[in-house]
């Protein structure tokens, strides 16, 4: 994943794109976590959870 310095203003949105490569023998469910910093005083840090299932 490439991380940039984009800052969103209230009401703005963006798209996160991720590409995963799994090696032989790594099939099944996986969970990836991405830390997001915010300027929200009530939630200064958020966590994006990405779940995936890889078949054989």
C-alpha atoms as a PDB file:
ATOM      1  CA  UNK A   1       0.000   0.000   0.000  1.00  0.00           C
ATOM      2  CA  UNK A   2       1.200   3.495  -0.790  1.00  0.00           C
ATOM      3  CA  UNK A   3       0.293   6.149   1.774  1.00  0.00           C
ATOM      4  CA  UNK A   4      -0.092   9.789   0.798  1.00  0.00           C
ATOM      5  CA  UNK A   5      -0.617  13.030   2.677  1.00  0.00           C
ATOM      6  CA  UNK A   6      -4.160  13.781   1.469  1.00  0.00           C
ATOM      7  CA  UNK A   7      -6.263  15.766   3.937  1.00  0.00           C
ATOM      8  CA  UNK A   8     -10.042  15.665   3.552  1.00  0.00           C
ATOM      9  CA  UNK A   9     -12.297  18.504   4.597  1.00  0.00           C
ATOM     10  CA  UNK A  10     -15.639  17.771   6.326  1.00  0.00           C
ATOM     11  CA  UNK A  11     -18.064  16.278   3.825  1.00  0.00           C
ATOM     12  CA  UNK A  12     -15.342  15.201   1.391  1.00  0.00           C
ATOM     13  CA  UNK A  13     -14.661  11.582   0.538  1.00  0.00           C
ATOM     14  CA  UNK A  14     -11.944   9.530  -1.079  1.00  0.00           C
ATOM     15  CA  UNK A  15     -11.307   6.029  -2.351  1.00  0.00           C
ATOM     16  CA  UNK A  16      -8.733   3.642  -0.933  1.00  0.00           C
ATOM     17  CA  UNK A  17      -7.367   1.033  -3.322  1.00  0.00           C
ATOM     18  CA  UNK A  18      -5.452  -2.001  -2.119  1.00  0.00           C
ATOM     19  CA  UNK A  19      -3.936  -4.921  -3.970  1.00  0.00           C
ATOM     20  CA  UNK A  20      -3.142  -8.143  -2.157  1.00  0.00           C
ATOM     21  CA  UNK A  21      -0.983 -11.027  -3.304  1.00  0.00           C
ATOM     22  CA  UNK A  22      -1.282 -14.294  -1.441  1.00  0.00           C
ATOM     23  CA  UNK A  23       1.349 -17.004  -1.701  1.00  0.00           C
ATOM     24  CA  UNK A  24       0.728 -20.724  -2.081  1.00  0.00           C
ATOM     25  CA  UNK A  25      -0.708 -22.203   1.105  1.00  0.00           C
ATOM     26  CA  UNK A  26      -2.122 -18.897   2.393  1.00  0.00           C
ATOM     27  CA  UNK A  27      -5.751 -19.561   1.416  1.00  0.00           C
ATOM     28  CA  UNK A  28      -8.652 -18.873   3.750  1.00  0.00           C
ATOM     29  CA  UNK A  29      -9.857 -15.814   5.629  1.00  0.00           C
ATOM     30  CA  UNK A  30      -7.548 -12.883   6.342  1.00  0.00           C
ATOM     31  CA  UNK A  31      -7.972  -9.565   8.135  1.00  0.00           C
ATOM     32  CA  UNK A  32      -5.922  -6.475   7.333  1.00  0.00           C
ATOM     33  CA  UNK A  33      -5.991  -3.278   9.440  1.00  0.00           C
ATOM     34  CA  UNK A  34      -5.176   0.241   8.281  1.00  0.00           C
ATOM     35  CA  UNK A  35      -4.659   3.042  10.835  1.00  0.00           C
ATOM     36  CA  UNK A  36      -6.272   6.363   9.883  1.00  0.00           C
ATOM     37  CA  UNK A  37      -5.390   9.610  11.650  1.00  0.00           C
ATOM     38  CA  UNK A  38      -8.151  12.212  12.022  1.00  0.00           C
ATOM     39  CA  UNK A  39      -8.494  15.708  13.461  1.00  0.00           C
ATOM     40  CA  UNK A  40     -11.770  14.703  15.151  1.00  0.00           C
ATOM     41  CA  UNK A  41     -11.327  15.400  18.866  1.00  0.00           C
ATOM     42  CA  UNK A  42     -13.709  12.589  19.790  1.00  0.00           C
ATOM     43  CA  UNK A  43     -12.004  10.043  17.515  1.00  0.00           C
ATOM     44  CA  UNK A  44      -8.421  11.151  16.713  1.00  0.00           C
ATOM     45  CA  UNK A  45      -7.539   7.742  15.323  1.00  0.00           C
ATOM     46  CA  UNK A  46      -9.702   5.325  13.382  1.00  0.00           C
ATOM     47  CA  UNK A  47      -9.025   1.847  12.101  1.00  0.00           C
ATOM     48  CA  UNK A  48     -10.168   0.524   8.738  1.00  0.00           C
ATOM     49  CA  UNK A  49     -10.647  -3.260   8.771  1.00  0.00           C
ATOM     50  CA  UNK A  50     -10.469  -5.146   5.472  1.00  0.00           C
ATOM     51  CA  UNK A  51     -11.544  -8.796   5.518  1.00  0.00           C
ATOM     52  CA  UNK A  52     -11.010 -11.193   2.652  1.00  0.00           C
ATOM     53  CA  UNK A  53     -11.385 -14.858   1.868  1.00  0.00           C
ATOM     54  CA  UNK A  54      -8.908 -16.501  -0.482  1.00  0.00           C
ATOM     55  CA  UNK A  55      -9.752 -19.686  -2.268  1.00  0.00           C
ATOM     56  CA  UNK A  56      -7.410 -22.395  -3.447  1.00  0.00           C
END
